[in-house]
Protein backbone atom coordinates (compact mmCIF):
# COMPACT_ATOMS: atom_id res chain seq x y z
CA MET A 1 0.00 0.00 0.00
CA ALA A 2 1.11 3.58 -0.60
CA GLU A 3 2.62 5.65 2.19
CA LYS A 4 0.36 8.14 3.96
CA PRO A 5 1.06 11.77 2.98
CA ASP A 6 2.70 14.14 5.43
CA MET A 7 -0.11 16.27 6.91
CA GLY A 8 2.34 18.70 8.55
CA GLU A 9 2.42 20.90 5.44
CA ILE A 10 -1.37 21.16 5.41
CA ALA A 11 -1.55 22.04 9.10
CA SER A 12 0.90 24.91 8.66
CA PHE A 13 -0.71 26.29 5.46
CA ASP A 14 -1.70 29.96 5.72
CA LYS A 15 -4.97 30.67 3.88
CA ALA A 16 -4.43 34.43 4.30
CA LYS A 17 -1.73 34.31 1.61
CA LEU A 18 -4.22 33.20 -1.05
CA LYS A 19 -5.52 35.78 -3.52
CA LYS A 20 -9.25 36.50 -3.75
CA MET A 21 -10.58 35.49 -7.18
CA GLU A 22 -13.92 36.06 -8.86
CA THR A 23 -15.49 32.99 -10.45
CA GLN A 24 -16.49 33.46 -14.10
CA GLU A 25 -18.76 31.12 -16.05
CA LYS A 26 -17.11 30.28 -19.36
CA ASN A 27 -19.32 27.57 -20.88
CA THR A 28 -22.84 28.85 -20.53
CA LEU A 29 -25.70 26.73 -21.80
CA PRO A 30 -27.67 28.14 -24.72
CA THR A 31 -31.04 29.68 -23.98
CA LYS A 32 -34.27 28.48 -25.54
CA GLU A 33 -34.26 31.56 -27.80
CA THR A 34 -30.77 30.70 -29.04
CA MET A 35 -31.71 27.11 -29.85
CA GLU A 36 -34.94 27.83 -31.77
CA PRO A 37 -33.28 29.11 -35.02
CA GLU A 38 -30.88 26.16 -34.98
CA LYS A 39 -33.73 23.64 -34.59
CA ARG A 40 -35.61 25.24 -37.50
CA SER A 41 -32.59 25.06 -39.81
CA GLU A 42 -32.07 21.35 -39.01
CA ILE A 43 -35.68 20.49 -39.85
CA SER A 44 -35.60 22.31 -43.23
């Protein structure tokens, strides 16, 4: 079995040094209005 990791590094980690980041959605799902023209072109 693998050795257990050293938890000493985690215990001494300082969260205050982390930078504050804003989360941004990159892959948004298409809306119903966006999909309607595409559905019509597939049917034709």
